[in-house]
Amino acid sequence: MIKRKSLALLFCCAFFASVAPAEAQTNKPLASAQTVLSRKEVPILCYHQIRDWKPTDSKTNKDYITPIATFKAHMKMLADSGYHTILPDQLYDYLNYGAKLPAKPIMLTFDDTDLEQFTIAAPTMKQYGFKGVFFIMTVSLGRKNYMSKDQVKQLSDAGHVMGSHTWDHHNVKKYQGQDWVTQIEKPTKLLKEITGKEIKYFAYPFGLWSAPVIPELKKRGFVAAFQLADKRDGKDPLFTIRRIIASGYWSAKTLHTSVVRSFK
């Protein structure tokens, strides 16, 4: 009997030891802006459409349209180079608490809800054990060439993270009054209903942000937000996390060079 009690006690101790750090970490105060800014940036890539170019695509648009073979070459290069994808919660814990990340971390993000992100990007990432972050523009759900609610849920259930990208891609710098309900609150509620998960991360349409917007996002439950390549805000770096657009013109080699040079 004593032996059984001892084993039970050891089991309980081991269990609470395993969960205690995570619980304790959530009670820690957030890092100062200076601390967050002092940590080495994690490379974050931003993709939009993943399809072959059409004769009607402009030179500018081709930056945002990654040909299928190019995207697959990008993913293979990342895997061959030893990169490991991380998700926003891991990045948040690293920036705030110094949590350990895997060797050569990288984050893959996808904006605008394009269907190819489900049919091409997700299966390609799966080949390498990669996970991504999908910033959903809810007005497009169910429309032709865009993802459905069910496909968004499938991605979420597979371990990818869904974030908010507003209702219809309006510039957040221009929001007034009811815009916050239409563009932020209702889409966030819908995504939570679809996934069954809290929606904590936001991507600014066009990558554009301004300081007055940040408190509004915080009030609505967001803990971090992603821009594009601008300098991070000195007061709220968690709400101005940098990404770079993985240009459709970039070969795998060019992408690798850009990742190394852009995040130091």
C-alpha atoms as a PDB file:
ATOM      1  CA  MET A   1       0.000   0.000   0.000  1.00  0.00           C
ATOM      2  CA  ILE A   2       2.822   2.387   0.921  1.00  0.00           C
ATOM      3  CA  LYS A   3       4.551   1.621  -2.357  1.00  0.00           C
ATOM      4  CA  ARG A   4       1.365   2.398  -4.324  1.00  0.00           C
ATOM      5  CA  LYS A   5       0.916   5.683  -2.466  1.00  0.00           C
ATOM      6  CA  SER A   6       4.533   6.610  -3.197  1.00  0.00           C
ATOM      7  CA  LEU A   7       4.064   5.908  -6.886  1.00  0.00           C
ATOM      8  CA  ALA A   8       0.880   7.945  -6.946  1.00  0.00           C
ATOM      9  CA  LEU A   9       2.645  10.819  -5.215  1.00  0.00           C
ATOM     10  CA  LEU A  10       5.499  10.694  -7.716  1.00  0.00           C
ATOM     11  CA  PHE A  11       3.021  10.732 -10.594  1.00  0.00           C
ATOM     12  CA  CYS A  12       1.205  13.753  -9.198  1.00  0.00           C
ATOM     13  CA  CYS A  13       4.454  15.621  -8.626  1.00  0.00           C
ATOM     14  CA  ALA A  14       5.603  14.895 -12.162  1.00  0.00           C
ATOM     15  CA  PHE A  15       2.260  16.036 -13.579  1.00  0.00           C
ATOM     16  CA  PHE A  16       2.210  19.342 -11.717  1.00  0.00           C
ATOM     17  CA  ALA A  17       5.870  19.945 -12.506  1.00  0.00           C
ATOM     18  CA  SER A  18       5.063  19.568 -16.194  1.00  0.00           C
ATOM     19  CA  VAL A  19       2.188  22.073 -16.170  1.00  0.00           C
ATOM     20  CA  ALA A  20       3.460  24.534 -13.575  1.00  0.00           C
ATOM     21  CA  PRO A  21       5.888  26.446 -15.834  1.00  0.00           C
ATOM     22  CA  ALA A  22       3.193  27.131 -18.445  1.00  0.00           C
ATOM     23  CA  GLU A  23       0.763  28.329 -15.784  1.00  0.00           C
ATOM     24  CA  ALA A  24       3.400  30.427 -14.097  1.00  0.00           C
ATOM     25  CA  GLN A  25       4.444  31.956 -17.392  1.00  0.00           C
ATOM     26  CA  THR A  26       0.956  33.305 -18.076  1.00  0.00           C
ATOM     27  CA  ASN A  27       1.135  35.145 -14.767  1.00  0.00           C
ATOM     28  CA  LYS A  28       4.408  36.844 -15.584  1.00  0.00           C
ATOM     29  CA  PRO A  29       4.322  40.548 -16.468  1.00  0.00           C
ATOM     30  CA  LEU A  30       4.796  41.322 -20.130  1.00  0.00           C
ATOM     31  CA  ALA A  31       8.256  42.317 -21.249  1.00  0.00           C
ATOM     32  CA  SER A  32       9.051  45.972 -21.748  1.00  0.00           C
ATOM     33  CA  ALA A  33       9.166  47.354 -25.270  1.00  0.00           C
ATOM     34  CA  GLN A  34      12.920  47.668 -24.910  1.00  0.00           C
ATOM     35  CA  THR A  35      13.232  43.974 -24.034  1.00  0.00           C
ATOM     36  CA  VAL A  36      11.060  42.908 -26.963  1.00  0.00           C
ATOM     37  CA  LEU A  37      13.048  45.063 -29.357  1.00  0.00           C
ATOM     38  CA  SER A  38      16.325  43.661 -28.042  1.00  0.00           C
ATOM     39  CA  ARG A  39      15.458  40.088 -28.968  1.00  0.00           C
ATOM     40  CA  LYS A  40      16.593  38.802 -32.339  1.00  0.00           C
ATOM     41  CA  GLU A  41      13.781  39.028 -34.881  1.00  0.00           C
ATOM     42  CA  VAL A  42      12.260  35.810 -36.191  1.00  0.00           C
ATOM     43  CA  PRO A  43      11.901  35.737 -39.997  1.00  0.00           C
ATOM     44  CA  ILE A  44       8.252  35.984 -41.026  1.00  0.00           C
ATOM     45  CA  LEU A  45       7.153  35.504 -44.627  1.00  0.00           C
ATOM     46  CA  CYS A  46       3.908  36.781 -46.109  1.00  0.00           C
ATOM     47  CA  TYR A  47       2.237  35.051 -49.056  1.00  0.00           C
ATOM     48  CA  HIS A  48      -0.936  35.984 -50.908  1.00  0.00           C
ATOM     49  CA  GLN A  49      -2.022  34.199 -54.085  1.00  0.00           C
ATOM     50  CA  ILE A  50      -0.302  30.954 -55.024  1.00  0.00           C
ATOM     51  CA  ARG A  51      -0.991  30.307 -58.671  1.00  0.00           C
ATOM     52  CA  ASP A  52       0.707  30.548 -62.023  1.00  0.00           C
ATOM     53  CA  TRP A  53       0.895  33.981 -63.608  1.00  0.00           C
ATOM     54  CA  LYS A  54      -1.614  35.045 -66.246  1.00  0.00           C
ATOM     55  CA  PRO A  55      -0.969  37.377 -69.206  1.00  0.00           C
ATOM     56  CA  THR A  56      -3.260  39.914 -67.509  1.00  0.00           C
ATOM     57  CA  ASP A  57      -1.186  40.043 -64.294  1.00  0.00           C
ATOM     58  CA  SER A  58       0.691  43.324 -63.929  1.00  0.00           C
ATOM     59  CA  LYS A  59       4.344  43.531 -62.907  1.00  0.00           C
ATOM     60  CA  THR A  60       3.295  44.877 -59.524  1.00  0.00           C
ATOM     61  CA  ASN A  61       0.717  42.156 -58.949  1.00  0.00           C
ATOM     62  CA  LYS A  62       3.280  39.455 -59.669  1.00  0.00           C
ATOM     63  CA  ASP A  63       5.014  40.409 -56.431  1.00  0.00           C
ATOM     64  CA  TYR A  64       1.895  39.132 -54.652  1.00  0.00           C
ATOM     65  CA  ILE A  65       1.323  36.082 -56.860  1.00  0.00           C
ATOM     66  CA  THR A  66       3.684  33.175 -56.238  1.00  0.00           C
ATOM     67  CA  PRO A  67       3.735  30.591 -59.039  1.00  0.00           C
ATOM     68  CA  ILE A  68       3.026  27.082 -57.791  1.00  0.00           C
ATOM     69  CA  ALA A  69       6.447  25.663 -58.664  1.00  0.00           C
ATOM     70  CA  THR A  70       8.108  28.669 -57.027  1.00  0.00           C
ATOM     71  CA  PHE A  71       6.161  28.195 -53.798  1.00  0.00           C
ATOM     72  CA  LYS A  72       7.067  24.518 -53.696  1.00  0.00           C
ATOM     73  CA  ALA A  73      10.721  25.416 -54.273  1.00  0.00           C
ATOM     74  CA  HIS A  74      10.514  27.942 -51.413  1.00  0.00           C
ATOM     75  CA  MET A  75       9.200  25.306 -49.010  1.00  0.00           C
ATOM     76  CA  LYS A  76      11.798  22.742 -50.076  1.00  0.00           C
ATOM     77  CA  MET A  77      14.583  25.270 -49.615  1.00  0.00           C
ATOM     78  CA  LEU A  78      13.373  26.138 -46.107  1.00  0.00           C
ATOM     79  CA  ALA A  79      13.214  22.471 -45.139  1.00  0.00           C
ATOM     80  CA  ASP A  80      16.595  21.662 -46.709  1.00  0.00           C
ATOM     81  CA  SER A  81      18.117  24.676 -44.951  1.00  0.00           C
ATOM     82  CA  GLY A  82      16.985  23.428 -41.555  1.00  0.00           C
ATOM     83  CA  TYR A  83      14.219  25.948 -40.856  1.00  0.00           C
ATOM     84  CA  HIS A  84      11.407  25.046 -38.447  1.00  0.00           C
ATOM     85  CA  THR A  85       8.061  26.821 -38.571  1.00  0.00           C
ATOM     86  CA  ILE A  86       6.679  28.391 -35.419  1.00  0.00           C
ATOM     87  CA  LEU A  87       3.240  29.771 -34.608  1.00  0.00           C
ATOM     88  CA  PRO A  88       2.199  33.090 -33.033  1.00  0.00           C
ATOM     89  CA  ASP A  89       1.877  31.776 -29.467  1.00  0.00           C
ATOM     90  CA  GLN A  90       5.489  30.590 -29.629  1.00  0.00           C
ATOM     91  CA  LEU A  91       6.619  33.951 -30.982  1.00  0.00           C
ATOM     92  CA  TYR A  92       4.632  35.769 -28.288  1.00  0.00           C
ATOM     93  CA  ASP A  93       6.212  33.701 -25.503  1.00  0.00           C
ATOM     94  CA  TYR A  94       9.674  34.205 -26.979  1.00  0.00           C
ATOM     95  CA  LEU A  95       9.334  37.967 -27.286  1.00  0.00           C
ATOM     96  CA  ASN A  96       7.761  38.402 -23.847  1.00  0.00           C
ATOM     97  CA  TYR A  97       9.397  35.725 -21.742  1.00  0.00           C
ATOM     98  CA  GLY A  98      12.436  34.583 -23.680  1.00  0.00           C
ATOM     99  CA  ALA A  99      10.906  31.140 -24.272  1.00  0.00           C
ATOM    100  CA  LYS A 100      13.129  28.826 -26.264  1.00  0.00           C
ATOM    101  CA  LEU A 101      12.466  28.429 -29.979  1.00  0.00           C
ATOM    102  CA  PRO A 102      13.568  25.635 -32.309  1.00  0.00           C
ATOM    103  CA  ALA A 103      16.743  26.060 -34.303  1.00  0.00           C
ATOM    104  CA  LYS A 104      16.316  28.392 -37.278  1.00  0.00           C
ATOM    105  CA  PRO A 105      12.704  29.400 -36.573  1.00  0.00           C
ATOM    106  CA  ILE A 106      10.551  30.935 -39.277  1.00  0.00           C
ATOM    107  CA  MET A 107       6.875  31.860 -39.556  1.00  0.00           C
ATOM    108  CA  LEU A 108       4.787  31.388 -42.694  1.00  0.00           C
ATOM    109  CA  THR A 109       1.776  33.698 -43.014  1.00  0.00           C
ATOM    110  CA  PHE A 110      -0.931  33.890 -45.656  1.00  0.00           C
ATOM    111  CA  ASP A 111      -3.235  36.863 -46.227  1.00  0.00           C
ATOM    112  CA  ASP A 112      -6.643  37.326 -47.870  1.00  0.00           C
ATOM    113  CA  THR A 113      -8.224  33.824 -47.720  1.00  0.00           C
ATOM    114  CA  ASP A 114      -7.305  32.765 -51.275  1.00  0.00           C
ATOM    115  CA  LEU A 115      -8.407  29.216 -52.121  1.00  0.00           C
ATOM    116  CA  GLU A 116      -4.933  28.121 -53.263  1.00  0.00           C
ATOM    117  CA  GLN A 117      -3.719  28.600 -49.712  1.00  0.00           C
ATOM    118  CA  PHE A 118      -5.918  25.617 -48.822  1.00  0.00           C
ATOM    119  CA  THR A 119      -5.508  23.523 -51.976  1.00  0.00           C
ATOM    120  CA  ILE A 120      -1.790  24.123 -52.641  1.00  0.00           C
ATOM    121  CA  ALA A 121      -0.007  25.807 -49.736  1.00  0.00           C
ATOM    122  CA  ALA A 122      -1.325  23.651 -46.900  1.00  0.00           C
ATOM    123  CA  PRO A 123      -0.635  20.261 -48.604  1.00  0.00           C
ATOM    124  CA  THR A 124       2.847  21.439 -49.622  1.00  0.00           C
ATOM    125  CA  MET A 125       3.659  22.560 -46.073  1.00  0.00           C
ATOM    126  CA  LYS A 126       2.366  19.248 -44.732  1.00  0.00           C
ATOM    127  CA  GLN A 127       5.055  17.413 -46.705  1.00  0.00           C
ATOM    128  CA  TYR A 128       7.670  19.115 -44.550  1.00  0.00           C
ATOM    129  CA  GLY A 129       5.784  19.202 -41.257  1.00  0.00           C
ATOM    130  CA  PHE A 130       5.292  22.964 -41.541  1.00  0.00           C
ATOM    131  CA  LYS A 131       2.444  24.932 -39.974  1.00  0.00           C
ATOM    132  CA  GLY A 132       1.218  28.364 -41.031  1.00  0.00           C
ATOM    133  CA  VAL A 133      -0.821  31.367 -39.980  1.00  0.00           C
ATOM    134  CA  PHE A 134      -3.800  32.317 -42.133  1.00  0.00           C
ATOM    135  CA  PHE A 135      -5.118  35.870 -41.816  1.00  0.00           C
ATOM    136  CA  ILE A 136      -8.735  35.674 -42.907  1.00  0.00           C
ATOM    137  CA  MET A 137     -10.712  38.409 -44.660  1.00  0.00           C
ATOM    138  CA  THR A 138     -14.200  37.261 -43.745  1.00  0.00           C
ATOM    139  CA  VAL A 139     -16.129  39.000 -46.544  1.00  0.00           C
ATOM    140  CA  SER A 140     -14.550  36.530 -48.982  1.00  0.00           C
ATOM    141  CA  LEU A 141     -15.560  33.323 -47.181  1.00  0.00           C
ATOM    142  CA  GLY A 142     -17.468  31.053 -49.547  1.00  0.00           C
ATOM    143  CA  ARG A 143     -16.906  33.223 -52.602  1.00  0.00           C
ATOM    144  CA  LYS A 144     -15.455  31.869 -55.834  1.00  0.00           C
ATOM    145  CA  ASN A 145     -11.669  31.356 -55.620  1.00  0.00           C
ATOM    146  CA  TYR A 146     -11.703  31.878 -51.847  1.00  0.00           C
ATOM    147  CA  MET A 147     -11.863  29.496 -48.925  1.00  0.00           C
ATOM    148  CA  SER A 148     -15.096  28.361 -47.352  1.00  0.00           C
ATOM    149  CA  LYS A 149     -15.862  28.331 -43.642  1.00  0.00           C
ATOM    150  CA  ASP A 150     -15.379  24.558 -43.612  1.00  0.00           C
ATOM    151  CA  GLN A 151     -11.940  24.845 -45.207  1.00  0.00           C
ATOM    152  CA  VAL A 152     -10.908  27.440 -42.635  1.00  0.00           C
ATOM    153  CA  LYS A 153     -12.018  25.062 -39.886  1.00  0.00           C
ATOM    154  CA  GLN A 154     -10.084  22.201 -41.493  1.00  0.00           C
ATOM    155  CA  LEU A 155      -6.919  24.289 -41.449  1.00  0.00           C
ATOM    156  CA  SER A 156      -7.502  25.237 -37.830  1.00  0.00           C
ATOM    157  CA  ASP A 157      -8.188  21.631 -36.834  1.00  0.00           C
ATOM    158  CA  ALA A 158      -4.953  20.590 -38.587  1.00  0.00           C
ATOM    159  CA  GLY A 159      -2.929  22.831 -36.267  1.00  0.00           C
ATOM    160  CA  HIS A 160      -2.627  25.984 -38.326  1.00  0.00           C
ATOM    161  CA  VAL A 161      -3.549  29.310 -36.726  1.00  0.00           C
ATOM    162  CA  MET A 162      -6.327  31.592 -37.951  1.00  0.00           C
ATOM    163  CA  GLY A 163      -5.966  35.331 -37.460  1.00  0.00           C
ATOM    164  CA  SER A 164      -8.052  38.360 -38.386  1.00  0.00           C
ATOM    165  CA  HIS A 165      -7.498  40.403 -41.536  1.00  0.00           C
ATOM    166  CA  THR A 166     -10.669  42.506 -41.174  1.00  0.00           C
ATOM    167  CA  TRP A 167     -13.974  42.084 -42.978  1.00  0.00           C
ATOM    168  CA  ASP A 168     -13.092  43.540 -46.374  1.00  0.00           C
ATOM    169  CA  HIS A 169      -9.506  44.821 -46.194  1.00  0.00           C
ATOM    170  CA  HIS A 170     -10.233  48.460 -45.320  1.00  0.00           C
ATOM    171  CA  ASN A 171      -7.266  50.514 -44.133  1.00  0.00           C
ATOM    172  CA  VAL A 172      -7.394  50.548 -40.304  1.00  0.00           C
ATOM    173  CA  LYS A 173      -5.963  54.082 -40.212  1.00  0.00           C
ATOM    174  CA  LYS A 174      -9.306  55.342 -41.551  1.00  0.00           C
ATOM    175  CA  TYR A 175     -11.648  53.581 -39.115  1.00  0.00           C
ATOM    176  CA  GLN A 176     -14.287  55.592 -37.294  1.00  0.00           C
ATOM    177  CA  GLY A 177     -17.119  54.589 -34.962  1.00  0.00           C
ATOM    178  CA  GLN A 178     -19.038  51.639 -36.395  1.00  0.00           C
ATOM    179  CA  ASP A 179     -16.068  50.605 -38.555  1.00  0.00           C
ATOM    180  CA  TRP A 180     -14.548  48.893 -35.525  1.00  0.00           C
ATOM    181  CA  VAL A 181     -17.624  46.712 -35.206  1.00  0.00           C
ATOM    182  CA  THR A 182     -17.891  45.932 -38.919  1.00  0.00           C
ATOM    183  CA  GLN A 183     -14.214  45.416 -39.645  1.00  0.00           C
ATOM    184  CA  ILE A 184     -12.917  43.930 -36.389  1.00  0.00           C
ATOM    185  CA  GLU A 185     -15.515  42.795 -33.865  1.00  0.00           C
ATOM    186  CA  LYS A 186     -17.905  40.905 -36.151  1.00  0.00           C
ATOM    187  CA  PRO A 187     -15.130  39.148 -38.157  1.00  0.00           C
ATOM    188  CA  THR A 188     -13.389  38.123 -34.925  1.00  0.00           C
ATOM    189  CA  LYS A 189     -16.623  36.686 -33.545  1.00  0.00           C
ATOM    190  CA  LEU A 190     -17.266  34.792 -36.782  1.00  0.00           C
ATOM    191  CA  LEU A 191     -13.781  33.278 -36.865  1.00  0.00           C
ATOM    192  CA  LYS A 192     -14.152  32.179 -33.258  1.00  0.00           C
ATOM    193  CA  GLU A 193     -17.469  30.502 -34.126  1.00  0.00           C
ATOM    194  CA  ILE A 194     -15.888  28.738 -37.116  1.00  0.00           C
ATOM    195  CA  THR A 195     -12.753  27.504 -35.346  1.00  0.00           C
ATOM    196  CA  GLY A 196     -13.923  27.203 -31.748  1.00  0.00           C
ATOM    197  CA  LYS A 197     -10.762  29.071 -30.749  1.00  0.00           C
ATOM    198  CA  GLU A 198      -9.874  32.528 -29.531  1.00  0.00           C
ATOM    199  CA  ILE A 199      -8.685  34.894 -32.270  1.00  0.00           C
ATOM    200  CA  LYS A 200      -5.713  36.720 -30.791  1.00  0.00           C
ATOM    201  CA  TYR A 201      -3.634  37.849 -33.761  1.00  0.00           C
ATOM    202  CA  PHE A 202      -4.252  40.490 -36.402  1.00  0.00           C
ATOM    203  CA  ALA A 203      -2.649  41.460 -39.712  1.00  0.00           C
ATOM    204  CA  TYR A 204      -3.027  45.037 -40.932  1.00  0.00           C
ATOM    205  CA  PRO A 205      -4.509  45.391 -44.443  1.00  0.00           C
ATOM    206  CA  PHE A 206      -1.777  46.654 -46.792  1.00  0.00           C
ATOM    207  CA  GLY A 207       0.570  46.387 -43.781  1.00  0.00           C
ATOM    208  CA  LEU A 208      -0.515  49.904 -42.771  1.00  0.00           C
ATOM    209  CA  TRP A 209      -0.861  50.844 -39.110  1.00  0.00           C
ATOM    210  CA  SER A 210      -0.843  53.878 -36.843  1.00  0.00           C
ATOM    211  CA  ALA A 211      -0.312  54.349 -33.107  1.00  0.00           C
ATOM    212  CA  PRO A 212      -3.973  55.246 -32.285  1.00  0.00           C
ATOM    213  CA  VAL A 213      -5.115  51.925 -33.764  1.00  0.00           C
ATOM    214  CA  ILE A 214      -3.135  49.789 -31.310  1.00  0.00           C
ATOM    215  CA  PRO A 215      -5.209  50.525 -28.151  1.00  0.00           C
ATOM    216  CA  GLU A 216      -8.362  49.742 -30.136  1.00  0.00           C
ATOM    217  CA  LEU A 217      -6.995  46.311 -31.072  1.00  0.00           C
ATOM    218  CA  LYS A 218      -5.961  45.643 -27.478  1.00  0.00           C
ATOM    219  CA  LYS A 219      -9.449  46.516 -26.234  1.00  0.00           C
ATOM    220  CA  ARG A 220     -10.830  43.877 -28.589  1.00  0.00           C
ATOM    221  CA  GLY A 221      -8.663  41.075 -27.243  1.00  0.00           C
ATOM    222  CA  PHE A 222      -5.726  41.003 -29.639  1.00  0.00           C
ATOM    223  CA  VAL A 223      -2.318  40.366 -28.121  1.00  0.00           C
ATOM    224  CA  ALA A 224      -0.162  41.062 -31.189  1.00  0.00           C
ATOM    225  CA  ALA A 225      -0.454  42.390 -34.728  1.00  0.00           C
ATOM    226  CA  PHE A 226       1.571  41.985 -37.900  1.00  0.00           C
ATOM    227  CA  GLN A 227       2.539  44.675 -40.390  1.00  0.00           C
ATOM    228  CA  LEU A 228       4.923  44.410 -43.327  1.00  0.00           C
ATOM    229  CA  ALA A 229       8.443  45.757 -43.611  1.00  0.00           C
ATOM    230  CA  ASP A 230       8.223  49.081 -41.738  1.00  0.00           C
ATOM    231  CA  LYS A 231      10.234  49.781 -38.607  1.00  0.00           C
ATOM    232  CA  ARG A 232       8.638  48.428 -35.434  1.00  0.00           C
ATOM    233  CA  ASP A 233       6.978  50.861 -33.046  1.00  0.00           C
ATOM    234  CA  GLY A 234       9.195  51.786 -30.114  1.00  0.00           C
ATOM    235  CA  LYS A 235       6.299  51.709 -27.647  1.00  0.00           C
ATOM    236  CA  ASP A 236       4.293  48.725 -28.940  1.00  0.00           C
ATOM    237  CA  PRO A 237       6.579  46.380 -30.882  1.00  0.00           C
ATOM    238  CA  LEU A 238       4.211  43.438 -30.319  1.00  0.00           C
ATOM    239  CA  PHE A 239       1.617  45.268 -32.422  1.00  0.00           C
ATOM    240  CA  THR A 240       4.019  46.109 -35.227  1.00  0.00           C
ATOM    241  CA  ILE A 241       5.718  42.762 -35.844  1.00  0.00           C
ATOM    242  CA  ARG A 242       7.565  42.807 -39.156  1.00  0.00           C
ATOM    243  CA  ARG A 243       6.957  40.504 -42.109  1.00  0.00           C
ATOM    244  CA  ILE A 244       8.353  40.490 -45.624  1.00  0.00           C
ATOM    245  CA  ILE A 245       6.386  39.655 -48.751  1.00  0.00           C
ATOM    246  CA  ALA A 246       7.765  36.531 -50.391  1.00  0.00           C
ATOM    247  CA  SER A 247       7.767  37.950 -53.907  1.00  0.00           C
ATOM    248  CA  GLY A 248       6.536  35.856 -56.785  1.00  0.00           C
ATOM    249  CA  TYR A 249       9.718  36.884 -58.603  1.00  0.00           C
ATOM    250  CA  TRP A 250      12.001  35.325 -56.000  1.00  0.00           C
ATOM    251  CA  SER A 251      13.757  32.051 -56.613  1.00  0.00           C
ATOM    252  CA  ALA A 252      14.432  29.834 -53.594  1.00  0.00           C
ATOM    253  CA  LYS A 253      17.977  31.214 -53.475  1.00  0.00           C
ATOM    254  CA  THR A 254      16.768  34.826 -53.537  1.00  0.00           C
ATOM    255  CA  LEU A 255      14.254  34.068 -50.795  1.00  0.00           C
ATOM    256  CA  HIS A 256      16.975  32.604 -48.604  1.00  0.00           C
ATOM    257  CA  THR A 257      19.157  35.661 -49.126  1.00  0.00           C
ATOM    258  CA  SER A 258      16.256  37.992 -48.317  1.00  0.00           C
ATOM    259  CA  VAL A 259      15.417  36.104 -45.120  1.00  0.00           C
ATOM    260  CA  VAL A 260      18.994  36.308 -43.893  1.00  0.00           C
ATOM    261  CA  ARG A 261      19.396  39.996 -44.770  1.00  0.00           C
ATOM    262  CA  SER A 262      15.988  41.217 -43.583  1.00  0.00           C
ATOM    263  CA  PHE A 263      15.972  39.699 -40.102  1.00  0.00           C
ATOM    264  CA  LYS A 264      19.137  40.198 -38.089  1.00  0.00           C
END
